[in-house]
Amino acid sequence: MTFRPRTRAFSLIAAVLGLALFVYAVRRAGVAEILDGIRRVGWGLVLIIALGGARFLLRAQCWRLCVRRDAELTFSHAFSAFLAGDAVGSVTPLGLLASEPTKIFLTRHHLATRESVASLTLENLLYSASVIAMIALGGGLLLATATLPVALRQAVLAAVAVALVALLVLPLVMRTRTGGGALVGLTTRLAALAAVADEVRRFTREDPGRLLQVFALDLIYHALAVLEVFVTLGWLMGDRAPTLAMAIVFETLNRVATVVFKFVPFRVGVDEALTGALAPLVAVDPVSGVALAVVRKVPRLFWAGVGLVTIAFHPAKTNGST
């Protein structure tokens, strides 16, 4: 069996299991109750879709800031490539292995391949740092505001500790040379990886101000996601008002699920099951938790559709970029 049939089979299995989990989570929470919650959101879906688009705009600008100042990567090119890459990464089980090559392909007329790889690597490192910060914040809030079983409390404590250590170590890794040039004699692929690593370190040393801008924009990205959760919970919970801590904890769970379950297309079933299980721990009824996950699928589906259309209409011409 070749790699492609194996990938298709794995994708199909992940999608079927996710769908089964989705049906289980929805039926357990109550179909009628969830539909009632979604009706309360109503035209609020327009705002939720807009917030999702704003987050893509931020990530596109982050990518541009990770490219050299004289590069020809315009904002519109970065934005359309980011939408397309995210769409491919969402509908397949390959995640970054599919989304990043898509971005590189769609911007091949504007960036050399090596520069695309280096800039995307740097952007993903900084985004990962912001996700780690989000996990530390959300985990800390969960510990402070919820009564957790002993085993879960210990697991969250460990996750927060690892996140804090990672935040301290990552900047050192990005700035320190590790003798990557020694890899040149091994294989061409390792030599290329070493060259990308050197390019990332060079950018980190020479333009640290732009890295701070990228990290700040990534934090705004997470703030918009928390806002999305907060306003959605406000519609779903009816007379009860959500708290900022609730929104941060739910979004932290979303970030963790994205990392761990990226192989499940659109994380169907995973989000619903996890948010439904977390909801009682933060004083939210499971119905609102499951409905929150269902509602948040809407912007993902919408923007994935836009991304796939972008791929369909991308010009097929090639040039000499390498």
C-alpha atoms as a PDB file:
ATOM      1  CA  MET A   1       0.000   0.000   0.000  1.00  0.00           C
ATOM      2  CA  THR A   2       1.454   3.371  -1.011  1.00  0.00           C
ATOM      3  CA  PHE A   3       1.589   6.460   1.156  1.00  0.00           C
ATOM      4  CA  ARG A   4      -1.389   8.106  -0.554  1.00  0.00           C
ATOM      5  CA  PRO A   5      -3.855   5.192  -0.114  1.00  0.00           C
ATOM      6  CA  ARG A   6      -2.730   4.835   3.518  1.00  0.00           C
ATOM      7  CA  THR A   7      -3.355   8.548   4.036  1.00  0.00           C
ATOM      8  CA  ARG A   8      -6.822   8.319   2.511  1.00  0.00           C
ATOM      9  CA  ALA A   9      -7.643   5.279   4.642  1.00  0.00           C
ATOM     10  CA  PHE A  10      -6.429   6.985   7.820  1.00  0.00           C
ATOM     11  CA  SER A  11      -8.391  10.123   6.953  1.00  0.00           C
ATOM     12  CA  LEU A  12     -11.545   8.056   6.372  1.00  0.00           C
ATOM     13  CA  ILE A  13     -11.153   6.180   9.671  1.00  0.00           C
ATOM     14  CA  ALA A  14     -10.514   9.422  11.594  1.00  0.00           C
ATOM     15  CA  ALA A  15     -13.553  11.061   9.978  1.00  0.00           C
ATOM     16  CA  VAL A  16     -15.832   8.091  10.749  1.00  0.00           C
ATOM     17  CA  LEU A  17     -14.675   7.890  14.377  1.00  0.00           C
ATOM     18  CA  GLY A  18     -15.055  11.655  14.742  1.00  0.00           C
ATOM     19  CA  LEU A  19     -18.553  11.530  13.299  1.00  0.00           C
ATOM     20  CA  ALA A  20     -19.494   8.724  15.679  1.00  0.00           C
ATOM     21  CA  LEU A  21     -18.145  10.747  18.598  1.00  0.00           C
ATOM     22  CA  PHE A  22     -20.083  13.784  17.365  1.00  0.00           C
ATOM     23  CA  VAL A  23     -23.346  11.831  17.261  1.00  0.00           C
ATOM     24  CA  TYR A  24     -22.699  10.449  20.745  1.00  0.00           C
ATOM     25  CA  ALA A  25     -21.898  13.869  22.251  1.00  0.00           C
ATOM     26  CA  VAL A  26     -24.889  15.554  20.620  1.00  0.00           C
ATOM     27  CA  ARG A  27     -27.366  12.816  21.571  1.00  0.00           C
ATOM     28  CA  ARG A  28     -26.092  12.746  25.133  1.00  0.00           C
ATOM     29  CA  ALA A  29     -26.478  16.522  25.515  1.00  0.00           C
ATOM     30  CA  GLY A  30     -29.838  16.528  23.743  1.00  0.00           C
ATOM     31  CA  VAL A  31     -30.480  17.375  20.103  1.00  0.00           C
ATOM     32  CA  ALA A  32     -33.471  19.631  20.793  1.00  0.00           C
ATOM     33  CA  GLU A  33     -31.622  21.569  23.496  1.00  0.00           C
ATOM     34  CA  ILE A  34     -28.589  22.126  21.276  1.00  0.00           C
ATOM     35  CA  LEU A  35     -30.746  23.295  18.366  1.00  0.00           C
ATOM     36  CA  ASP A  36     -32.502  25.710  20.701  1.00  0.00           C
ATOM     37  CA  GLY A  37     -29.140  27.135  21.764  1.00  0.00           C
ATOM     38  CA  ILE A  38     -28.044  27.540  18.148  1.00  0.00           C
ATOM     39  CA  ARG A  39     -31.284  29.397  17.370  1.00  0.00           C
ATOM     40  CA  ARG A  40     -30.464  31.852  20.143  1.00  0.00           C
ATOM     41  CA  VAL A  41     -27.194  32.655  18.387  1.00  0.00           C
ATOM     42  CA  GLY A  42     -29.086  33.520  15.180  1.00  0.00           C
ATOM     43  CA  TRP A  43     -27.469  36.319  13.209  1.00  0.00           C
ATOM     44  CA  GLY A  44     -24.667  36.319  15.735  1.00  0.00           C
ATOM     45  CA  LEU A  45     -23.079  33.761  13.408  1.00  0.00           C
ATOM     46  CA  VAL A  46     -22.114  36.680  11.166  1.00  0.00           C
ATOM     47  CA  LEU A  47     -20.040  38.168  13.988  1.00  0.00           C
ATOM     48  CA  ILE A  48     -18.488  34.779  14.750  1.00  0.00           C
ATOM     49  CA  ILE A  49     -17.516  34.313  11.094  1.00  0.00           C
ATOM     50  CA  ALA A  50     -16.060  37.832  11.026  1.00  0.00           C
ATOM     51  CA  LEU A  51     -13.958  37.140  14.128  1.00  0.00           C
ATOM     52  CA  GLY A  52     -12.676  33.964  12.473  1.00  0.00           C
ATOM     53  CA  GLY A  53     -11.679  35.945   9.401  1.00  0.00           C
ATOM     54  CA  ALA A  54      -9.942  38.563  11.540  1.00  0.00           C
ATOM     55  CA  ARG A  55      -7.785  35.838  13.065  1.00  0.00           C
ATOM     56  CA  PHE A  56      -6.689  34.703   9.608  1.00  0.00           C
ATOM     57  CA  LEU A  57      -5.821  38.317   8.770  1.00  0.00           C
ATOM     58  CA  LEU A  58      -3.587  38.461  11.839  1.00  0.00           C
ATOM     59  CA  ARG A  59      -1.793  35.202  11.005  1.00  0.00           C
ATOM     60  CA  ALA A  60      -1.223  36.398   7.438  1.00  0.00           C
ATOM     61  CA  GLN A  61       0.373  39.611   8.711  1.00  0.00           C
ATOM     62  CA  CYS A  62       2.492  37.578  11.141  1.00  0.00           C
ATOM     63  CA  TRP A  63       3.838  35.585   8.205  1.00  0.00           C
ATOM     64  CA  ARG A  64       4.685  38.771   6.287  1.00  0.00           C
ATOM     65  CA  LEU A  65       6.584  40.093   9.306  1.00  0.00           C
ATOM     66  CA  CYS A  66       8.678  36.914   9.299  1.00  0.00           C
ATOM     67  CA  VAL A  67       9.829  37.563   5.723  1.00  0.00           C
ATOM     68  CA  ARG A  68      12.700  39.913   4.848  1.00  0.00           C
ATOM     69  CA  ARG A  69      11.642  43.533   4.474  1.00  0.00           C
ATOM     70  CA  ASP A  70      12.246  43.723   0.712  1.00  0.00           C
ATOM     71  CA  ALA A  71      10.195  40.595  -0.109  1.00  0.00           C
ATOM     72  CA  GLU A  72       7.339  40.749  -2.629  1.00  0.00           C
ATOM     73  CA  LEU A  73       4.811  38.886  -0.482  1.00  0.00           C
ATOM     74  CA  THR A  74       1.778  41.184  -0.396  1.00  0.00           C
ATOM     75  CA  PHE A  75      -0.884  41.005   2.271  1.00  0.00           C
ATOM     76  CA  SER A  76      -3.493  39.646  -0.140  1.00  0.00           C
ATOM     77  CA  HIS A  77      -1.167  36.857  -1.292  1.00  0.00           C
ATOM     78  CA  ALA A  78      -0.307  35.905   2.279  1.00  0.00           C
ATOM     79  CA  PHE A  79      -3.959  35.975   3.326  1.00  0.00           C
ATOM     80  CA  SER A  80      -5.217  33.820   0.456  1.00  0.00           C
ATOM     81  CA  ALA A  81      -2.352  31.335   0.930  1.00  0.00           C
ATOM     82  CA  PHE A  82      -3.067  31.108   4.646  1.00  0.00           C
ATOM     83  CA  LEU A  83      -6.768  30.441   4.022  1.00  0.00           C
ATOM     84  CA  ALA A  84      -5.939  27.776   1.453  1.00  0.00           C
ATOM     85  CA  GLY A  85      -3.322  26.117   3.645  1.00  0.00           C
ATOM     86  CA  ASP A  86      -5.640  25.990   6.639  1.00  0.00           C
ATOM     87  CA  ALA A  87      -8.410  24.514   4.495  1.00  0.00           C
ATOM     88  CA  VAL A  88      -6.174  21.713   3.225  1.00  0.00           C
ATOM     89  CA  GLY A  89      -4.867  21.068   6.725  1.00  0.00           C
ATOM     90  CA  SER A  90      -8.426  20.856   8.051  1.00  0.00           C
ATOM     91  CA  VAL A  91      -9.866  18.443   5.487  1.00  0.00           C
ATOM     92  CA  THR A  92      -6.916  16.028   5.578  1.00  0.00           C
ATOM     93  CA  PRO A  93      -5.279  14.212   8.521  1.00  0.00           C
ATOM     94  CA  LEU A  94      -1.849  15.656   7.716  1.00  0.00           C
ATOM     95  CA  GLY A  95      -2.199  19.018   9.458  1.00  0.00           C
ATOM     96  CA  LEU A  96       0.971  21.098   9.011  1.00  0.00           C
ATOM     97  CA  LEU A  97       2.365  18.490   6.602  1.00  0.00           C
ATOM     98  CA  ALA A  98      -0.377  19.540   4.183  1.00  0.00           C
ATOM     99  CA  SER A  99      -1.077  23.161   5.098  1.00  0.00           C
ATOM    100  CA  GLU A 100       2.494  24.510   4.950  1.00  0.00           C
ATOM    101  CA  PRO A 101       3.398  23.020   1.532  1.00  0.00           C
ATOM    102  CA  THR A 102       0.137  24.490   0.221  1.00  0.00           C
ATOM    103  CA  LYS A 103       1.170  27.970   1.390  1.00  0.00           C
ATOM    104  CA  ILE A 104       4.601  27.524  -0.177  1.00  0.00           C
ATOM    105  CA  PHE A 105       3.078  26.402  -3.474  1.00  0.00           C
ATOM    106  CA  LEU A 106       0.605  29.282  -3.667  1.00  0.00           C
ATOM    107  CA  THR A 107       3.303  31.909  -3.012  1.00  0.00           C
ATOM    108  CA  ARG A 108       6.004  30.365  -5.210  1.00  0.00           C
ATOM    109  CA  HIS A 109       5.822  33.323  -7.628  1.00  0.00           C
ATOM    110  CA  HIS A 110       6.663  35.765  -4.829  1.00  0.00           C
ATOM    111  CA  LEU A 111       9.044  33.913  -2.501  1.00  0.00           C
ATOM    112  CA  ALA A 112      11.850  31.457  -3.123  1.00  0.00           C
ATOM    113  CA  THR A 113      11.127  28.052  -1.609  1.00  0.00           C
ATOM    114  CA  ARG A 114      13.888  28.342   0.976  1.00  0.00           C
ATOM    115  CA  GLU A 115      12.617  31.726   2.111  1.00  0.00           C
ATOM    116  CA  SER A 116       9.033  30.469   2.300  1.00  0.00           C
ATOM    117  CA  VAL A 117      10.072  27.508   4.426  1.00  0.00           C
ATOM    118  CA  ALA A 118      12.202  29.638   6.746  1.00  0.00           C
ATOM    119  CA  SER A 119       9.563  32.339   7.218  1.00  0.00           C
ATOM    120  CA  LEU A 120       6.776  29.827   7.837  1.00  0.00           C
ATOM    121  CA  THR A 121       8.987  27.922  10.276  1.00  0.00           C
ATOM    122  CA  LEU A 122       9.657  31.117  12.194  1.00  0.00           C
ATOM    123  CA  GLU A 123       5.983  32.129  12.143  1.00  0.00           C
ATOM    124  CA  ASN A 124       4.933  28.711  13.428  1.00  0.00           C
ATOM    125  CA  LEU A 125       7.542  28.824  16.199  1.00  0.00           C
ATOM    126  CA  LEU A 126       6.242  32.174  17.416  1.00  0.00           C
ATOM    127  CA  TYR A 127       2.641  31.040  17.125  1.00  0.00           C
ATOM    128  CA  SER A 128       3.525  27.906  19.090  1.00  0.00           C
ATOM    129  CA  ALA A 129       5.022  30.119  21.795  1.00  0.00           C
ATOM    130  CA  SER A 130       1.750  32.042  22.003  1.00  0.00           C
ATOM    131  CA  VAL A 131      -0.213  28.766  22.220  1.00  0.00           C
ATOM    132  CA  ILE A 132       2.061  27.641  25.051  1.00  0.00           C
ATOM    133  CA  ALA A 133       1.401  30.939  26.834  1.00  0.00           C
ATOM    134  CA  MET A 134      -2.333  30.396  26.310  1.00  0.00           C
ATOM    135  CA  ILE A 135      -2.104  26.893  27.779  1.00  0.00           C
ATOM    136  CA  ALA A 136      -0.261  28.223  30.824  1.00  0.00           C
ATOM    137  CA  LEU A 137      -2.880  30.954  31.347  1.00  0.00           C
ATOM    138  CA  GLY A 138      -5.891  28.705  30.765  1.00  0.00           C
ATOM    139  CA  GLY A 139      -4.487  25.912  32.889  1.00  0.00           C
ATOM    140  CA  GLY A 140      -3.763  28.329  35.714  1.00  0.00           C
ATOM    141  CA  LEU A 141      -7.289  29.738  35.569  1.00  0.00           C
ATOM    142  CA  LEU A 142      -8.780  26.245  35.555  1.00  0.00           C
ATOM    143  CA  LEU A 143      -6.783  25.367  38.663  1.00  0.00           C
ATOM    144  CA  ALA A 144      -7.843  28.589  40.365  1.00  0.00           C
ATOM    145  CA  THR A 145     -11.549  28.521  39.515  1.00  0.00           C
ATOM    146  CA  ALA A 146     -12.592  24.865  39.336  1.00  0.00           C
ATOM    147  CA  THR A 147     -12.712  21.942  41.744  1.00  0.00           C
ATOM    148  CA  LEU A 148     -10.932  19.190  39.837  1.00  0.00           C
ATOM    149  CA  PRO A 149     -10.447  15.481  40.535  1.00  0.00           C
ATOM    150  CA  VAL A 150      -6.989  14.807  41.955  1.00  0.00           C
ATOM    151  CA  ALA A 151      -5.671  13.066  38.829  1.00  0.00           C
ATOM    152  CA  LEU A 152      -6.925  15.823  36.526  1.00  0.00           C
ATOM    153  CA  ARG A 153      -5.552  18.527  38.817  1.00  0.00           C
ATOM    154  CA  GLN A 154      -2.119  16.910  38.754  1.00  0.00           C
ATOM    155  CA  ALA A 155      -2.250  16.609  34.965  1.00  0.00           C
ATOM    156  CA  VAL A 156      -3.161  20.290  34.583  1.00  0.00           C
ATOM    157  CA  LEU A 157      -0.392  21.295  37.015  1.00  0.00           C
ATOM    158  CA  ALA A 158       2.105  19.285  34.987  1.00  0.00           C
ATOM    159  CA  ALA A 159       0.896  20.859  31.728  1.00  0.00           C
ATOM    160  CA  VAL A 160       1.225  24.380  33.155  1.00  0.00           C
ATOM    161  CA  ALA A 161       4.728  23.626  34.460  1.00  0.00           C
ATOM    162  CA  VAL A 162       5.840  22.224  31.087  1.00  0.00           C
ATOM    163  CA  ALA A 163       4.353  25.239  29.290  1.00  0.00           C
ATOM    164  CA  LEU A 164       6.215  27.701  31.524  1.00  0.00           C
ATOM    165  CA  VAL A 165       9.515  25.864  31.018  1.00  0.00           C
ATOM    166  CA  ALA A 166       8.941  25.778  27.251  1.00  0.00           C
ATOM    167  CA  LEU A 167       8.340  29.544  27.201  1.00  0.00           C
ATOM    168  CA  LEU A 168      11.718  30.047  28.850  1.00  0.00           C
ATOM    169  CA  VAL A 169      13.601  27.602  26.632  1.00  0.00           C
ATOM    170  CA  LEU A 170      12.162  28.455  23.204  1.00  0.00           C
ATOM    171  CA  PRO A 171      13.782  31.924  22.856  1.00  0.00           C
ATOM    172  CA  LEU A 172      17.171  30.388  23.678  1.00  0.00           C
ATOM    173  CA  VAL A 173      16.711  27.677  21.065  1.00  0.00           C
ATOM    174  CA  MET A 174      15.771  30.245  18.416  1.00  0.00           C
ATOM    175  CA  ARG A 175      18.886  32.352  19.058  1.00  0.00           C
ATOM    176  CA  THR A 176      21.568  29.712  19.692  1.00  0.00           C
ATOM    177  CA  ARG A 177      23.587  28.148  16.927  1.00  0.00           C
ATOM    178  CA  THR A 178      23.820  24.388  17.266  1.00  0.00           C
ATOM    179  CA  GLY A 179      26.483  23.611  14.696  1.00  0.00           C
ATOM    180  CA  GLY A 180      23.913  22.738  12.053  1.00  0.00           C
ATOM    181  CA  GLY A 181      26.539  23.205   9.337  1.00  0.00           C
ATOM    182  CA  ALA A 182      28.001  19.844  10.366  1.00  0.00           C
ATOM    183  CA  LEU A 183      24.926  18.185   8.902  1.00  0.00           C
ATOM    184  CA  VAL A 184      25.884  19.230   5.374  1.00  0.00           C
ATOM    185  CA  GLY A 185      27.969  16.144   4.834  1.00  0.00           C
ATOM    186  CA  LEU A 186      25.178  13.753   5.760  1.00  0.00           C
ATOM    187  CA  THR A 187      22.305  14.215   3.341  1.00  0.00           C
ATOM    188  CA  THR A 188      20.927  16.941   1.144  1.00  0.00           C
ATOM    189  CA  ARG A 189      17.698  16.975   3.158  1.00  0.00           C
ATOM    190  CA  LEU A 190      19.516  17.481   6.462  1.00  0.00           C
ATOM    191  CA  ALA A 191      21.634  20.182   4.879  1.00  0.00           C
ATOM    192  CA  ALA A 192      18.471  21.975   3.747  1.00  0.00           C
ATOM    193  CA  LEU A 193      17.032  21.728   7.257  1.00  0.00           C
ATOM    194  CA  ALA A 194      20.225  23.152   8.699  1.00  0.00           C
ATOM    195  CA  ALA A 195      20.083  26.041   6.228  1.00  0.00           C
ATOM    196  CA  VAL A 196      16.492  26.821   7.251  1.00  0.00           C
ATOM    197  CA  ALA A 197      17.468  26.708  10.928  1.00  0.00           C
ATOM    198  CA  ASP A 198      20.344  29.095  10.264  1.00  0.00           C
ATOM    199  CA  GLU A 199      18.000  31.467   8.421  1.00  0.00           C
ATOM    200  CA  VAL A 200      15.570  31.459  11.357  1.00  0.00           C
ATOM    201  CA  ARG A 201      18.386  32.206  13.821  1.00  0.00           C
ATOM    202  CA  ARG A 202      19.746  34.959  11.573  1.00  0.00           C
ATOM    203  CA  PHE A 203      16.358  36.654  11.435  1.00  0.00           C
ATOM    204  CA  THR A 204      15.958  36.265  15.201  1.00  0.00           C
ATOM    205  CA  ARG A 205      19.291  37.951  15.889  1.00  0.00           C
ATOM    206  CA  GLU A 206      19.028  40.718  13.284  1.00  0.00           C
ATOM    207  CA  ASP A 207      15.382  41.797  13.613  1.00  0.00           C
ATOM    208  CA  PRO A 208      14.101  40.981  17.119  1.00  0.00           C
ATOM    209  CA  GLY A 209      11.653  43.903  17.007  1.00  0.00           C
ATOM    210  CA  ARG A 210       9.604  42.229  14.300  1.00  0.00           C
ATOM    211  CA  LEU A 211       9.513  39.020  16.328  1.00  0.00           C
ATOM    212  CA  LEU A 212       7.974  40.924  19.219  1.00  0.00           C
ATOM    213  CA  GLN A 213       5.377  42.351  16.824  1.00  0.00           C
ATOM    214  CA  VAL A 214       4.522  38.849  15.598  1.00  0.00           C
ATOM    215  CA  PHE A 215       4.184  37.513  19.136  1.00  0.00           C
ATOM    216  CA  ALA A 216       1.962  40.464  20.085  1.00  0.00           C
ATOM    217  CA  LEU A 217      -0.270  39.843  17.053  1.00  0.00           C
ATOM    218  CA  ASP A 218      -0.472  36.161  17.982  1.00  0.00           C
ATOM    219  CA  LEU A 219      -1.661  37.141  21.447  1.00  0.00           C
ATOM    220  CA  ILE A 220      -4.330  39.347  19.836  1.00  0.00           C
ATOM    221  CA  TYR A 221      -5.284  36.301  17.735  1.00  0.00           C
ATOM    222  CA  HIS A 222      -5.992  34.365  20.928  1.00  0.00           C
ATOM    223  CA  ALA A 223      -7.789  37.348  22.453  1.00  0.00           C
ATOM    224  CA  LEU A 224     -10.183  37.409  19.479  1.00  0.00           C
ATOM    225  CA  ALA A 225     -10.796  33.685  19.908  1.00  0.00           C
ATOM    226  CA  VAL A 226     -11.584  34.228  23.589  1.00  0.00           C
ATOM    227  CA  LEU A 227     -13.960  37.032  22.591  1.00  0.00           C
ATOM    228  CA  GLU A 228     -15.652  34.652  20.160  1.00  0.00           C
ATOM    229  CA  VAL A 229     -16.168  32.104  22.945  1.00  0.00           C
ATOM    230  CA  PHE A 230     -17.356  34.793  25.376  1.00  0.00           C
ATOM    231  CA  VAL A 231     -20.050  36.260  23.123  1.00  0.00           C
ATOM    232  CA  THR A 232     -21.179  32.815  21.955  1.00  0.00           C
ATOM    233  CA  LEU A 233     -21.555  31.608  25.530  1.00  0.00           C
ATOM    234  CA  GLY A 234     -23.537  34.768  26.273  1.00  0.00           C
ATOM    235  CA  TRP A 235     -26.087  33.765  23.647  1.00  0.00           C
ATOM    236  CA  LEU A 236     -26.109  30.088  24.607  1.00  0.00           C
ATOM    237  CA  MET A 237     -26.364  30.437  28.374  1.00  0.00           C
ATOM    238  CA  GLY A 238     -29.482  32.604  28.301  1.00  0.00           C
ATOM    239  CA  ASP A 239     -30.061  34.383  31.614  1.00  0.00           C
ATOM    240  CA  ARG A 240     -26.645  33.474  32.998  1.00  0.00           C
ATOM    241  CA  ALA A 241     -23.694  35.642  32.061  1.00  0.00           C
ATOM    242  CA  PRO A 242     -20.410  33.945  31.142  1.00  0.00           C
ATOM    243  CA  THR A 243     -17.157  34.969  32.776  1.00  0.00           C
ATOM    244  CA  LEU A 244     -13.877  35.790  31.084  1.00  0.00           C
ATOM    245  CA  ALA A 245     -12.274  32.849  32.911  1.00  0.00           C
ATOM    246  CA  MET A 246     -14.822  30.473  31.327  1.00  0.00           C
ATOM    247  CA  ALA A 247     -14.031  31.778  27.855  1.00  0.00           C
ATOM    248  CA  ILE A 248     -10.261  31.501  28.368  1.00  0.00           C
ATOM    249  CA  VAL A 249     -10.511  27.939  29.682  1.00  0.00           C
ATOM    250  CA  PHE A 250     -12.732  26.821  26.790  1.00  0.00           C
ATOM    251  CA  GLU A 251     -10.406  28.408  24.245  1.00  0.00           C
ATOM    252  CA  THR A 252      -7.387  26.811  25.912  1.00  0.00           C
ATOM    253  CA  LEU A 253      -9.072  23.427  25.522  1.00  0.00           C
ATOM    254  CA  ASN A 254      -9.687  24.293  21.873  1.00  0.00           C
ATOM    255  CA  ARG A 255      -5.978  25.036  21.344  1.00  0.00           C
ATOM    256  CA  VAL A 256      -4.964  21.748  22.968  1.00  0.00           C
ATOM    257  CA  ALA A 257      -7.496  19.824  20.876  1.00  0.00           C
ATOM    258  CA  THR A 258      -6.164  21.487  17.725  1.00  0.00           C
ATOM    259  CA  VAL A 259      -2.641  20.294  18.499  1.00  0.00           C
ATOM    260  CA  VAL A 260      -3.531  16.762  19.608  1.00  0.00           C
ATOM    261  CA  PHE A 261      -6.400  15.933  17.232  1.00  0.00           C
ATOM    262  CA  LYS A 262      -5.379  17.775  14.062  1.00  0.00           C
ATOM    263  CA  PHE A 263      -5.605  14.470  12.160  1.00  0.00           C
ATOM    264  CA  VAL A 264      -9.408  14.426  12.621  1.00  0.00           C
ATOM    265  CA  PRO A 265     -10.968  16.481   9.785  1.00  0.00           C
ATOM    266  CA  PHE A 266     -12.373  19.666  11.342  1.00  0.00           C
ATOM    267  CA  ARG A 267     -12.046  17.860  14.704  1.00  0.00           C
ATOM    268  CA  VAL A 268     -15.645  16.688  14.207  1.00  0.00           C
ATOM    269  CA  GLY A 269     -16.847  15.021  17.393  1.00  0.00           C
ATOM    270  CA  VAL A 270     -13.660  15.783  19.317  1.00  0.00           C
ATOM    271  CA  ASP A 271     -14.562  19.395  20.097  1.00  0.00           C
ATOM    272  CA  GLU A 272     -18.128  18.499  21.014  1.00  0.00           C
ATOM    273  CA  ALA A 273     -17.099  15.688  23.359  1.00  0.00           C
ATOM    274  CA  LEU A 274     -14.323  17.675  25.048  1.00  0.00           C
ATOM    275  CA  THR A 275     -16.301  20.887  25.569  1.00  0.00           C
ATOM    276  CA  GLY A 276     -19.277  18.912  26.828  1.00  0.00           C
ATOM    277  CA  ALA A 277     -17.041  17.146  29.336  1.00  0.00           C
ATOM    278  CA  LEU A 278     -15.264  20.332  30.436  1.00  0.00           C
ATOM    279  CA  ALA A 279     -18.418  22.431  30.809  1.00  0.00           C
ATOM    280  CA  PRO A 280     -19.528  21.157  34.258  1.00  0.00           C
ATOM    281  CA  LEU A 281     -16.040  21.799  35.655  1.00  0.00           C
ATOM    282  CA  VAL A 282     -16.423  25.537  34.923  1.00  0.00           C
ATOM    283  CA  ALA A 283     -20.082  25.762  35.983  1.00  0.00           C
ATOM    284  CA  VAL A 284     -21.522  25.589  32.436  1.00  0.00           C
ATOM    285  CA  ASP A 285     -24.182  23.067  31.483  1.00  0.00           C
ATOM    286  CA  PRO A 286     -23.014  20.363  29.026  1.00  0.00           C
ATOM    287  CA  VAL A 287     -25.660  21.403  26.478  1.00  0.00           C
ATOM    288  CA  SER A 288     -24.115  24.865  26.183  1.00  0.00           C
ATOM    289  CA  GLY A 289     -20.671  23.290  25.957  1.00  0.00           C
ATOM    290  CA  VAL A 290     -21.609  21.013  23.071  1.00  0.00           C
ATOM    291  CA  ALA A 291     -23.565  23.801  21.353  1.00  0.00           C
ATOM    292  CA  LEU A 292     -20.510  26.069  21.676  1.00  0.00           C
ATOM    293  CA  ALA A 293     -18.401  23.552  19.764  1.00  0.00           C
ATOM    294  CA  VAL A 294     -21.092  23.118  17.092  1.00  0.00           C
ATOM    295  CA  VAL A 295     -21.501  26.873  16.578  1.00  0.00           C
ATOM    296  CA  ARG A 296     -17.736  27.383  16.330  1.00  0.00           C
ATOM    297  CA  LYS A 297     -17.619  24.872  13.471  1.00  0.00           C
ATOM    298  CA  VAL A 298     -19.504  27.378  11.295  1.00  0.00           C
ATOM    299  CA  PRO A 299     -16.642  29.870  10.763  1.00  0.00           C
ATOM    300  CA  ARG A 300     -14.173  27.025  10.244  1.00  0.00           C
ATOM    301  CA  LEU A 301     -16.365  25.546   7.515  1.00  0.00           C
ATOM    302  CA  PHE A 302     -17.005  28.952   5.958  1.00  0.00           C
ATOM    303  CA  TRP A 303     -13.362  29.997   5.753  1.00  0.00           C
ATOM    304  CA  ALA A 304     -12.270  26.519   4.684  1.00  0.00           C
ATOM    305  CA  GLY A 305     -14.699  26.870   1.789  1.00  0.00           C
ATOM    306  CA  VAL A 306     -13.145  30.214   0.878  1.00  0.00           C
ATOM    307  CA  GLY A 307      -9.703  28.626   1.072  1.00  0.00           C
ATOM    308  CA  LEU A 308     -10.646  25.762  -1.239  1.00  0.00           C
ATOM    309  CA  VAL A 309     -12.114  28.236  -3.731  1.00  0.00           C
ATOM    310  CA  THR A 310      -8.811  30.132  -3.584  1.00  0.00           C
ATOM    311  CA  ILE A 311      -6.959  26.954  -4.566  1.00  0.00           C
ATOM    312  CA  ALA A 312      -9.417  26.243  -7.378  1.00  0.00           C
ATOM    313  CA  PHE A 313      -8.891  29.682  -8.945  1.00  0.00           C
ATOM    314  CA  HIS A 314      -5.146  29.942  -8.326  1.00  0.00           C
ATOM    315  CA  PRO A 315      -3.237  30.502 -11.615  1.00  0.00           C
ATOM    316  CA  ALA A 316      -1.378  27.398 -12.717  1.00  0.00           C
ATOM    317  CA  LYS A 317       1.527  29.283 -14.313  1.00  0.00           C
ATOM    318  CA  THR A 318       5.042  28.634 -13.023  1.00  0.00           C
ATOM    319  CA  ASN A 319       8.237  30.591 -13.037  1.00  0.00           C
ATOM    320  CA  GLY A 320      11.830  30.093 -12.058  1.00  0.00           C
ATOM    321  CA  SER A 321      11.416  30.502  -8.285  1.00  0.00           C
ATOM    322  CA  THR A 322      13.264  27.891  -6.249  1.00  0.00           C
END
